[in-house]
Protein backbone atom coordinates (compact mmCIF):
# COMPACT_ATOMS: atom_id res chain seq x y z
CA UNK A 1 0.00 0.00 0.00
CA UNK A 2 1.18 3.51 -0.75
CA UNK A 3 2.06 5.84 2.10
CA UNK A 4 -0.46 8.38 3.30
CA UNK A 5 0.02 11.85 1.83
CA UNK A 6 -0.19 14.08 4.89
CA UNK A 7 -0.90 17.75 4.24
CA UNK A 8 0.32 20.22 6.85
CA UNK A 9 0.24 24.01 6.90
CA UNK A 10 -1.45 27.06 8.30
CA UNK A 11 -5.21 27.37 8.69
CA UNK A 12 -6.54 28.62 5.35
CA UNK A 13 -3.61 27.40 3.25
CA UNK A 14 -5.84 24.98 1.35
CA UNK A 15 -5.15 21.60 2.98
CA UNK A 16 -8.75 20.37 3.01
CA UNK A 17 -9.72 21.73 -0.41
CA UNK A 18 -6.50 20.54 -2.07
CA UNK A 19 -6.60 17.24 -0.19
CA UNK A 20 -10.11 16.39 -1.36
CA UNK A 21 -9.23 17.15 -4.98
CA UNK A 22 -5.82 15.44 -4.77
CA UNK A 23 -7.40 12.28 -3.39
CA UNK A 24 -9.93 12.29 -6.21
CA UNK A 25 -7.25 12.74 -8.89
CA UNK A 26 -5.09 9.98 -7.34
CA UNK A 27 -8.12 7.73 -6.73
CA UNK A 28 -7.28 7.46 -3.05
CA UNK A 29 -9.43 7.96 0.04
CA UNK A 30 -9.48 11.38 1.73
CA UNK A 31 -9.77 12.21 5.40
CA UNK A 32 -9.82 15.55 7.17
CA UNK A 33 -8.41 15.13 10.68
CA UNK A 34 -10.78 17.73 12.15
CA UNK A 35 -13.76 15.84 10.71
CA UNK A 36 -12.44 12.57 12.15
CA UNK A 37 -12.11 14.26 15.56
CA UNK A 38 -15.67 15.58 15.38
CA UNK A 39 -17.04 12.18 14.34
CA UNK A 40 -15.17 10.20 17.01
CA UNK A 41 -15.78 12.67 19.85
CA UNK A 42 -19.36 13.54 18.89
CA UNK A 43 -18.51 17.23 19.38
CA UNK A 44 -17.78 20.18 17.10
CA UNK A 45 -14.18 21.42 17.15
CA UNK A 46 -15.32 24.76 18.60
CA UNK A 47 -17.13 22.95 21.44
CA UNK A 48 -14.04 20.87 22.22
CA UNK A 49 -11.98 24.07 22.49
CA UNK A 50 -14.66 25.74 24.65
CA UNK A 51 -15.10 22.76 26.98
CA UNK A 52 -11.65 21.15 27.08
CA UNK A 53 -9.31 23.91 25.90
CA UNK A 54 -6.54 23.55 23.38
CA UNK A 55 -4.81 20.86 25.46
CA UNK A 56 -7.94 18.70 25.40
CA UNK A 57 -8.28 19.20 21.69
CA UNK A 58 -4.62 18.31 21.03
CA UNK A 59 -5.05 15.08 22.99
CA UNK A 60 -8.03 14.08 20.85
CA UNK A 61 -6.16 15.17 17.72
CA UNK A 62 -3.14 12.99 18.50
CA UNK A 63 -5.38 10.02 19.30
CA UNK A 64 -7.33 10.41 16.05
CA UNK A 65 -4.12 10.93 14.06
CA UNK A 66 -2.65 7.73 15.51
CA UNK A 67 -5.84 5.76 14.83
CA UNK A 68 -6.06 6.67 11.14
CA UNK A 69 -2.35 6.62 10.27
CA UNK A 70 -1.60 4.24 7.43
CA UNK A 71 -5.03 4.33 5.78
CA UNK A 72 -3.38 4.76 2.37
CA UNK A 73 -4.97 8.03 1.39
CA UNK A 74 -4.67 11.78 1.58
CA UNK A 75 -4.99 13.39 5.01
CA UNK A 76 -5.59 17.08 5.69
CA UNK A 77 -4.37 17.82 9.21
CA UNK A 78 -5.23 20.75 11.40
CA UNK A 79 -2.76 23.62 11.34
CA UNK A 80 -1.58 22.94 14.89
CA UNK A 81 -0.81 19.24 14.53
CA UNK A 82 2.88 20.22 14.36
CA UNK A 83 2.78 21.74 17.85
CA UNK A 84 2.71 18.30 19.50
CA UNK A 85 6.17 16.73 19.15
CA UNK A 86 4.84 13.15 19.36
CA UNK A 87 2.72 13.74 16.26
CA UNK A 88 5.86 13.86 14.12
CA UNK A 89 6.47 10.15 14.72
CA UNK A 90 2.94 9.42 13.50
CA UNK A 91 3.36 11.71 10.50
CA UNK A 92 6.65 10.10 9.50
CA UNK A 93 4.70 6.96 8.58
CA UNK A 94 3.39 8.95 5.61
CA UNK A 95 4.74 11.47 3.15
CA UNK A 96 4.49 14.93 4.72
CA UNK A 97 3.63 17.78 2.35
CA UNK A 98 3.82 21.39 3.57
CA UNK A 99 1.17 23.42 1.75
CA UNK A 100 2.72 26.87 2.03
CA UNK A 101 0.58 29.90 1.42
CA UNK A 102 2.14 33.31 2.05
CA UNK A 103 1.02 35.15 5.17
CA UNK A 104 -0.30 38.08 3.11
CA UNK A 105 -2.59 35.72 1.17
CA UNK A 106 -3.80 34.07 4.38
CA UNK A 107 -4.59 37.45 5.90
CA UNK A 108 -6.52 38.46 2.78
CA UNK A 109 -8.63 35.33 2.52
CA UNK A 110 -9.09 33.61 5.87
CA UNK A 111 -12.13 34.17 8.02
CA UNK A 112 -11.01 34.10 11.64
CA UNK A 113 -14.55 34.04 13.02
CA UNK A 114 -15.22 30.28 12.81
CA UNK A 115 -11.73 29.07 13.77
CA UNK A 116 -11.34 28.58 17.53
CA UNK A 117 -7.62 29.35 17.62
CA UNK A 118 -8.06 32.52 15.59
CA UNK A 119 -10.46 34.27 17.95
CA UNK A 120 -7.77 36.90 18.40
CA UNK A 121 -8.25 37.85 14.74
CA UNK A 122 -5.52 38.65 12.25
CA UNK A 123 -2.94 39.36 14.97
CA UNK A 124 -3.42 35.82 16.30
CA UNK A 125 -2.97 34.41 12.79
CA UNK A 126 0.34 36.29 12.46
CA UNK A 127 1.51 34.96 15.84
CA UNK A 128 0.62 31.36 14.92
CA UNK A 129 2.36 31.75 11.56
CA UNK A 130 5.54 32.92 13.29
CA UNK A 131 5.36 30.08 15.83
CA UNK A 132 4.65 27.29 13.34
CA UNK A 133 6.36 28.15 10.06
CA UNK A 134 9.71 26.55 10.94
CA UNK A 135 7.92 23.47 12.30
CA UNK A 136 6.15 22.98 8.98
CA UNK A 137 9.48 23.24 7.16
CA UNK A 138 11.20 20.85 9.55
CA UNK A 139 8.46 18.23 9.31
CA UNK A 140 7.95 18.27 5.55
CA UNK A 141 9.58 16.04 2.98
CA UNK A 142 7.83 18.05 0.26
CA UNK A 143 7.24 21.82 0.24
CA UNK A 144 4.65 23.17 -2.20
CA UNK A 145 3.74 26.82 -2.48
CA UNK A 146 0.02 27.37 -2.93
CA UNK A 147 0.10 30.73 -4.69
CA UNK A 148 -1.69 30.01 -7.97
CA UNK A 149 -4.76 28.03 -8.91
CA UNK A 150 -5.89 24.87 -7.16
CA UNK A 151 -5.02 22.90 -10.29
CA UNK A 152 -1.47 24.26 -10.26
CA UNK A 153 -1.03 23.32 -6.60
CA UNK A 154 -2.41 19.81 -7.23
CA UNK A 155 -0.07 19.39 -10.19
CA UNK A 156 2.93 20.46 -8.07
CA UNK A 157 2.00 18.07 -5.26
CA UNK A 158 1.50 15.12 -7.63
CA UNK A 159 4.81 15.80 -9.36
CA UNK A 160 6.69 16.04 -6.04
CA UNK A 161 4.98 12.96 -4.55
CA UNK A 162 5.76 10.88 -7.65
CA UNK A 163 9.39 12.03 -7.58
CA UNK A 164 9.69 11.27 -3.87
CA UNK A 165 8.07 7.83 -4.22
CA UNK A 166 10.42 6.96 -7.10
CA UNK A 167 13.68 8.49 -5.90
CA UNK A 168 13.36 9.22 -2.17
CA UNK A 169 14.73 12.40 -0.67
C-alpha atoms as a PDB file:
ATOM      1  CA  UNK A   1       0.000   0.000   0.000  1.00  0.00           C
ATOM      2  CA  UNK A   2       1.178   3.511  -0.746  1.00  0.00           C
ATOM      3  CA  UNK A   3       2.060   5.837   2.103  1.00  0.00           C
ATOM      4  CA  UNK A   4      -0.461   8.378   3.298  1.00  0.00           C
ATOM      5  CA  UNK A   5       0.017  11.849   1.833  1.00  0.00           C
ATOM      6  CA  UNK A   6      -0.191  14.079   4.892  1.00  0.00           C
ATOM      7  CA  UNK A   7      -0.899  17.745   4.242  1.00  0.00           C
ATOM      8  CA  UNK A   8       0.316  20.217   6.849  1.00  0.00           C
ATOM      9  CA  UNK A   9       0.238  24.008   6.895  1.00  0.00           C
ATOM     10  CA  UNK A  10      -1.451  27.057   8.298  1.00  0.00           C
ATOM     11  CA  UNK A  11      -5.210  27.366   8.685  1.00  0.00           C
ATOM     12  CA  UNK A  12      -6.542  28.623   5.353  1.00  0.00           C
ATOM     13  CA  UNK A  13      -3.612  27.398   3.253  1.00  0.00           C
ATOM     14  CA  UNK A  14      -5.837  24.976   1.347  1.00  0.00           C
ATOM     15  CA  UNK A  15      -5.154  21.601   2.983  1.00  0.00           C
ATOM     16  CA  UNK A  16      -8.752  20.371   3.006  1.00  0.00           C
ATOM     17  CA  UNK A  17      -9.717  21.731  -0.412  1.00  0.00           C
ATOM     18  CA  UNK A  18      -6.501  20.539  -2.068  1.00  0.00           C
ATOM     19  CA  UNK A  19      -6.605  17.245  -0.186  1.00  0.00           C
ATOM     20  CA  UNK A  20     -10.110  16.386  -1.359  1.00  0.00           C
ATOM     21  CA  UNK A  21      -9.227  17.147  -4.984  1.00  0.00           C
ATOM     22  CA  UNK A  22      -5.818  15.444  -4.767  1.00  0.00           C
ATOM     23  CA  UNK A  23      -7.399  12.280  -3.388  1.00  0.00           C
ATOM     24  CA  UNK A  24      -9.932  12.294  -6.213  1.00  0.00           C
ATOM     25  CA  UNK A  25      -7.247  12.739  -8.886  1.00  0.00           C
ATOM     26  CA  UNK A  26      -5.092   9.984  -7.344  1.00  0.00           C
ATOM     27  CA  UNK A  27      -8.115   7.730  -6.732  1.00  0.00           C
ATOM     28  CA  UNK A  28      -7.275   7.464  -3.048  1.00  0.00           C
ATOM     29  CA  UNK A  29      -9.427   7.961   0.041  1.00  0.00           C
ATOM     30  CA  UNK A  30      -9.483  11.381   1.728  1.00  0.00           C
ATOM     31  CA  UNK A  31      -9.766  12.206   5.401  1.00  0.00           C
ATOM     32  CA  UNK A  32      -9.819  15.547   7.168  1.00  0.00           C
ATOM     33  CA  UNK A  33      -8.406  15.134  10.675  1.00  0.00           C
ATOM     34  CA  UNK A  34     -10.778  17.734  12.152  1.00  0.00           C
ATOM     35  CA  UNK A  35     -13.760  15.837  10.707  1.00  0.00           C
ATOM     36  CA  UNK A  36     -12.436  12.572  12.153  1.00  0.00           C
ATOM     37  CA  UNK A  37     -12.106  14.257  15.563  1.00  0.00           C
ATOM     38  CA  UNK A  38     -15.668  15.576  15.380  1.00  0.00           C
ATOM     39  CA  UNK A  39     -17.037  12.175  14.341  1.00  0.00           C
ATOM     40  CA  UNK A  40     -15.166  10.203  17.008  1.00  0.00           C
ATOM     41  CA  UNK A  41     -15.781  12.675  19.850  1.00  0.00           C
ATOM     42  CA  UNK A  42     -19.358  13.542  18.888  1.00  0.00           C
ATOM     43  CA  UNK A  43     -18.510  17.235  19.375  1.00  0.00           C
ATOM     44  CA  UNK A  44     -17.778  20.175  17.105  1.00  0.00           C
ATOM     45  CA  UNK A  45     -14.181  21.417  17.154  1.00  0.00           C
ATOM     46  CA  UNK A  46     -15.321  24.761  18.601  1.00  0.00           C
ATOM     47  CA  UNK A  47     -17.132  22.951  21.445  1.00  0.00           C
ATOM     48  CA  UNK A  48     -14.037  20.871  22.224  1.00  0.00           C
ATOM     49  CA  UNK A  49     -11.983  24.073  22.495  1.00  0.00           C
ATOM     50  CA  UNK A  50     -14.662  25.740  24.651  1.00  0.00           C
ATOM     51  CA  UNK A  51     -15.102  22.755  26.982  1.00  0.00           C
ATOM     52  CA  UNK A  52     -11.651  21.152  27.082  1.00  0.00           C
ATOM     53  CA  UNK A  53      -9.314  23.913  25.902  1.00  0.00           C
ATOM     54  CA  UNK A  54      -6.543  23.554  23.382  1.00  0.00           C
ATOM     55  CA  UNK A  55      -4.806  20.864  25.455  1.00  0.00           C
ATOM     56  CA  UNK A  56      -7.938  18.696  25.400  1.00  0.00           C
ATOM     57  CA  UNK A  57      -8.282  19.200  21.685  1.00  0.00           C
ATOM     58  CA  UNK A  58      -4.621  18.311  21.032  1.00  0.00           C
ATOM     59  CA  UNK A  59      -5.045  15.075  22.993  1.00  0.00           C
ATOM     60  CA  UNK A  60      -8.034  14.083  20.846  1.00  0.00           C
ATOM     61  CA  UNK A  61      -6.163  15.167  17.715  1.00  0.00           C
ATOM     62  CA  UNK A  62      -3.144  12.988  18.505  1.00  0.00           C
ATOM     63  CA  UNK A  63      -5.380  10.017  19.297  1.00  0.00           C
ATOM     64  CA  UNK A  64      -7.333  10.413  16.049  1.00  0.00           C
ATOM     65  CA  UNK A  65      -4.117  10.926  14.059  1.00  0.00           C
ATOM     66  CA  UNK A  66      -2.649   7.733  15.514  1.00  0.00           C
ATOM     67  CA  UNK A  67      -5.838   5.764  14.828  1.00  0.00           C
ATOM     68  CA  UNK A  68      -6.058   6.669  11.137  1.00  0.00           C
ATOM     69  CA  UNK A  69      -2.353   6.618  10.269  1.00  0.00           C
ATOM     70  CA  UNK A  70      -1.599   4.238   7.434  1.00  0.00           C
ATOM     71  CA  UNK A  71      -5.032   4.325   5.780  1.00  0.00           C
ATOM     72  CA  UNK A  72      -3.385   4.761   2.370  1.00  0.00           C
ATOM     73  CA  UNK A  73      -4.975   8.033   1.389  1.00  0.00           C
ATOM     74  CA  UNK A  74      -4.670  11.784   1.578  1.00  0.00           C
ATOM     75  CA  UNK A  75      -4.988  13.390   5.011  1.00  0.00           C
ATOM     76  CA  UNK A  76      -5.592  17.075   5.692  1.00  0.00           C
ATOM     77  CA  UNK A  77      -4.369  17.816   9.211  1.00  0.00           C
ATOM     78  CA  UNK A  78      -5.227  20.750  11.401  1.00  0.00           C
ATOM     79  CA  UNK A  79      -2.757  23.620  11.335  1.00  0.00           C
ATOM     80  CA  UNK A  80      -1.584  22.944  14.890  1.00  0.00           C
ATOM     81  CA  UNK A  81      -0.810  19.238  14.526  1.00  0.00           C
ATOM     82  CA  UNK A  82       2.877  20.224  14.356  1.00  0.00           C
ATOM     83  CA  UNK A  83       2.784  21.739  17.851  1.00  0.00           C
ATOM     84  CA  UNK A  84       2.711  18.301  19.502  1.00  0.00           C
ATOM     85  CA  UNK A  85       6.167  16.734  19.152  1.00  0.00           C
ATOM     86  CA  UNK A  86       4.838  13.152  19.360  1.00  0.00           C
ATOM     87  CA  UNK A  87       2.723  13.739  16.263  1.00  0.00           C
ATOM     88  CA  UNK A  88       5.865  13.855  14.125  1.00  0.00           C
ATOM     89  CA  UNK A  89       6.472  10.147  14.722  1.00  0.00           C
ATOM     90  CA  UNK A  90       2.938   9.421  13.504  1.00  0.00           C
ATOM     91  CA  UNK A  91       3.356  11.709  10.500  1.00  0.00           C
ATOM     92  CA  UNK A  92       6.653  10.097   9.497  1.00  0.00           C
ATOM     93  CA  UNK A  93       4.696   6.957   8.580  1.00  0.00           C
ATOM     94  CA  UNK A  94       3.393   8.948   5.611  1.00  0.00           C
ATOM     95  CA  UNK A  95       4.736  11.466   3.153  1.00  0.00           C
ATOM     96  CA  UNK A  96       4.493  14.929   4.724  1.00  0.00           C
ATOM     97  CA  UNK A  97       3.626  17.781   2.354  1.00  0.00           C
ATOM     98  CA  UNK A  98       3.820  21.387   3.566  1.00  0.00           C
ATOM     99  CA  UNK A  99       1.171  23.424   1.750  1.00  0.00           C
ATOM    100  CA  UNK A 100       2.719  26.866   2.028  1.00  0.00           C
ATOM    101  CA  UNK A 101       0.583  29.904   1.425  1.00  0.00           C
ATOM    102  CA  UNK A 102       2.143  33.314   2.053  1.00  0.00           C
ATOM    103  CA  UNK A 103       1.020  35.151   5.169  1.00  0.00           C
ATOM    104  CA  UNK A 104      -0.300  38.081   3.110  1.00  0.00           C
ATOM    105  CA  UNK A 105      -2.590  35.717   1.169  1.00  0.00           C
ATOM    106  CA  UNK A 106      -3.799  34.070   4.377  1.00  0.00           C
ATOM    107  CA  UNK A 107      -4.585  37.452   5.901  1.00  0.00           C
ATOM    108  CA  UNK A 108      -6.524  38.463   2.781  1.00  0.00           C
ATOM    109  CA  UNK A 109      -8.633  35.334   2.517  1.00  0.00           C
ATOM    110  CA  UNK A 110      -9.088  33.612   5.867  1.00  0.00           C
ATOM    111  CA  UNK A 111     -12.131  34.171   8.022  1.00  0.00           C
ATOM    112  CA  UNK A 112     -11.011  34.103  11.638  1.00  0.00           C
ATOM    113  CA  UNK A 113     -14.553  34.037  13.016  1.00  0.00           C
ATOM    114  CA  UNK A 114     -15.221  30.280  12.814  1.00  0.00           C
ATOM    115  CA  UNK A 115     -11.735  29.074  13.765  1.00  0.00           C
ATOM    116  CA  UNK A 116     -11.341  28.580  17.532  1.00  0.00           C
ATOM    117  CA  UNK A 117      -7.624  29.347  17.624  1.00  0.00           C
ATOM    118  CA  UNK A 118      -8.061  32.524  15.589  1.00  0.00           C
ATOM    119  CA  UNK A 119     -10.461  34.265  17.948  1.00  0.00           C
ATOM    120  CA  UNK A 120      -7.766  36.903  18.399  1.00  0.00           C
ATOM    121  CA  UNK A 121      -8.251  37.854  14.744  1.00  0.00           C
ATOM    122  CA  UNK A 122      -5.523  38.653  12.246  1.00  0.00           C
ATOM    123  CA  UNK A 123      -2.941  39.355  14.971  1.00  0.00           C
ATOM    124  CA  UNK A 124      -3.422  35.816  16.301  1.00  0.00           C
ATOM    125  CA  UNK A 125      -2.967  34.414  12.789  1.00  0.00           C
ATOM    126  CA  UNK A 126       0.337  36.294  12.462  1.00  0.00           C
ATOM    127  CA  UNK A 127       1.514  34.955  15.841  1.00  0.00           C
ATOM    128  CA  UNK A 128       0.618  31.358  14.917  1.00  0.00           C
ATOM    129  CA  UNK A 129       2.359  31.753  11.560  1.00  0.00           C
ATOM    130  CA  UNK A 130       5.537  32.919  13.287  1.00  0.00           C
ATOM    131  CA  UNK A 131       5.360  30.077  15.827  1.00  0.00           C
ATOM    132  CA  UNK A 132       4.651  27.294  13.342  1.00  0.00           C
ATOM    133  CA  UNK A 133       6.362  28.149  10.056  1.00  0.00           C
ATOM    134  CA  UNK A 134       9.709  26.554  10.936  1.00  0.00           C
ATOM    135  CA  UNK A 135       7.921  23.475  12.301  1.00  0.00           C
ATOM    136  CA  UNK A 136       6.145  22.976   8.976  1.00  0.00           C
ATOM    137  CA  UNK A 137       9.478  23.237   7.159  1.00  0.00           C
ATOM    138  CA  UNK A 138      11.197  20.846   9.552  1.00  0.00           C
ATOM    139  CA  UNK A 139       8.458  18.231   9.312  1.00  0.00           C
ATOM    140  CA  UNK A 140       7.948  18.266   5.552  1.00  0.00           C
ATOM    141  CA  UNK A 141       9.580  16.041   2.980  1.00  0.00           C
ATOM    142  CA  UNK A 142       7.827  18.054   0.260  1.00  0.00           C
ATOM    143  CA  UNK A 143       7.240  21.822   0.243  1.00  0.00           C
ATOM    144  CA  UNK A 144       4.649  23.166  -2.204  1.00  0.00           C
ATOM    145  CA  UNK A 145       3.743  26.824  -2.479  1.00  0.00           C
ATOM    146  CA  UNK A 146       0.020  27.374  -2.928  1.00  0.00           C
ATOM    147  CA  UNK A 147       0.102  30.726  -4.692  1.00  0.00           C
ATOM    148  CA  UNK A 148      -1.686  30.008  -7.970  1.00  0.00           C
ATOM    149  CA  UNK A 149      -4.762  28.029  -8.913  1.00  0.00           C
ATOM    150  CA  UNK A 150      -5.893  24.875  -7.157  1.00  0.00           C
ATOM    151  CA  UNK A 151      -5.020  22.903 -10.293  1.00  0.00           C
ATOM    152  CA  UNK A 152      -1.470  24.261 -10.261  1.00  0.00           C
ATOM    153  CA  UNK A 153      -1.029  23.323  -6.602  1.00  0.00           C
ATOM    154  CA  UNK A 154      -2.414  19.810  -7.227  1.00  0.00           C
ATOM    155  CA  UNK A 155      -0.075  19.391 -10.187  1.00  0.00           C
ATOM    156  CA  UNK A 156       2.928  20.457  -8.070  1.00  0.00           C
ATOM    157  CA  UNK A 157       1.996  18.072  -5.263  1.00  0.00           C
ATOM    158  CA  UNK A 158       1.498  15.119  -7.631  1.00  0.00           C
ATOM    159  CA  UNK A 159       4.814  15.798  -9.359  1.00  0.00           C
ATOM    160  CA  UNK A 160       6.686  16.039  -6.037  1.00  0.00           C
ATOM    161  CA  UNK A 161       4.976  12.963  -4.553  1.00  0.00           C
ATOM    162  CA  UNK A 162       5.761  10.878  -7.651  1.00  0.00           C
ATOM    163  CA  UNK A 163       9.385  12.034  -7.578  1.00  0.00           C
ATOM    164  CA  UNK A 164       9.694  11.271  -3.867  1.00  0.00           C
ATOM    165  CA  UNK A 165       8.066   7.831  -4.223  1.00  0.00           C
ATOM    166  CA  UNK A 166      10.421   6.965  -7.096  1.00  0.00           C
ATOM    167  CA  UNK A 167      13.676   8.489  -5.901  1.00  0.00           C
ATOM    168  CA  UNK A 168      13.363   9.216  -2.168  1.00  0.00           C
ATOM    169  CA  UNK A 169      14.734  12.400  -0.669  1.00  0.00           C
END
